[in-house]
Amino acid sequence: MTQEPKSRSARPSGLLLAGGFAIAVGAAAWGILSRQNADAALARVTDEAALPAVATVTAQAGPAEQEIILPGTVQAAYDTSVHARTSGYVKRWCFDIGDRVKAGDLLAEIDSPEVDQQLAQARAQLVQMQASLEQARSNMELARVTNGRTVQLVGQGWTSRQQGDQDRLRYEASVAAVDVARANLEAQQAQVKRLEQLTGFERVVAPFDGVVTGRQVDVGNLINAGSVTGLELFHVADMRKLRIYVQVPQSYAASIKPGLDVKLRFPEYPGRDFPAKLVRNASAIEPRARTLLVELEADNAKGELLPGGYTEVHFKLSSDARGIQVSANALLFRAEGVQVATASADGHVVLHDVTMGRDFGAAVEILTGIEPGDSVLLNPPTSIATGAQVRLKQNDKKPSPDARS
C-alpha cells in the first residue's frame, strides 16, 4: 500500500523527458532541412548567375508595303544659259531676275558695228557679183552668135578653120565664165546671209516661256560670242513642270518602274505632300555608287516649288517576297558566314545560317534561315554556340515594320 503512490508520481516525469527529446530531434531536423534548402537555393542562384543573360526579340515578317525615303534634286523642265552669238557691247537689257518672259521676247540688244560694216561691204560685193554675172552672160551670148556665124563661113570656105576653132573655144570659155560668175554670186549670197544672221543675233531673245533666274550683264559690257569664252548673259528656266532626279539603291531597282506614283516633301512646306510620277530610269546601275538614276516629273503650274533645291522623295513599294525583319544587333559575323542565334523557352540556344536581304539601318531583312515568331537573341556573346544555355530577359523591343532608307 505504501509503494503504489510512488509509481504514479514517476510516470509524468518520463513523459516530459520523452516529449522534450522529440522536440529537440524535430528542431535539429528542421535546422538541417533549412540549411539544405538554403544551400540548394544558393546553388541555384549561383548557377543562374553563371549563365549569360541575354535579351530576345521576336522575329517579325516584313511589311506588305514598304516606304523608303531618298533625297532628290529638283530641276526645272527646261533650264538653259543664254549666251551671245555675236561679239560687241551691251546696248540695253530688258528683263531682270524674277521676270517672266515669252518665247521670242527681247532680253538684251548688242551693239556690234564691226559686223554691221561687214554686212554692208558684203552686200556691195553682192551687187558687184550680180553685175559680173550679167556681163559674163552677155559675153557668152556674143560668143555664141559669133561662133554660129563662123561655123557657116567655115562651111562655105569664106574663113579658115583656125578662125572657126578660136571662135568655138571662145564661146566655151564664155560659158565657163558664166558658171564661175554664178558660183561667185551664190557664195557671196551665202556670206551676206551669214552676216545678216549675225546681225540678227544682236537681238538676244528668250528661247522659251519661262522665268529669268539670272542676269550677268549690264549696259556697256563687252561680250564675246560663244559659250566657251563668252559670258553667260541670262539664265532662263521653265518651271511649270519640275524634274526630280533620285539615286535609288540597287536593292530597290527591281521595284522602281515607270508609272510609279510618289510623294515629295519640301522643307519650306512642312507636313505637306506634293504628288509626282516616275517617268523613266537610266536602265543601268551606276558602277561606283551601285545606284539606279530615276527621273520623276511633278506639276508646278502654280509656281509654288523652286528648282535647284532638295526634296524628300517618298516611295511606297509592295513587297512580293516578304523576308523576316530582325534588329541589326542580332547578327553574328563569323567565318562560316552570317548567323543568327535563337533560344527556346528553357534558354537553349540554336545557331542558324541566314541569308541577308536589305539593310534598313536599325533592322535587317533575313531571307532564309529563321521563321516568324522565333526568339532571336540580341547582342549575343561572340563565343556562343548551339546547345549553350542562356538566361532570358524580358524584352519588348521589335524591329521597326516601316523600313526606311
Foldseek 3Di string as FASTA:
>chain_A
DVCVVVVVVVVVVVVVVVVVVVVVVVVVVVVVVVVVVVVVVVVVVVVQVVFAEFAWAFWAWFDQKFKAKFKKAKDFPDKDFFAFQAWAFWAAADDAFFDWDAFFAFGTFGDDVVLVVVLVVLVVVLVVLVVQLVVLVVQLVVLVVVLVVVVVCVVVVNDDVVVNVVSVVSNVVSVVSNVVSVVVNVVSVVVSVVSVVNNVSSGGTDRHTFGWRDADDGGGDTAHRDDPPGDGGTMTGHRQKMKMKTWAALLCVVQDDFFFKKWKDDPVDPPDTFIKTWHDWPPDQDVPRRTIITMIMGGCNVVPDDHRDMIMIMGMTGDPQIFIKDFPQQWAQDPVGIWWWFADPQAFIAIWHWDWGADLDRITGTRDTDDGRTTTTGNDDNPDHGGRGHHYDYDHDGPDSHRYD
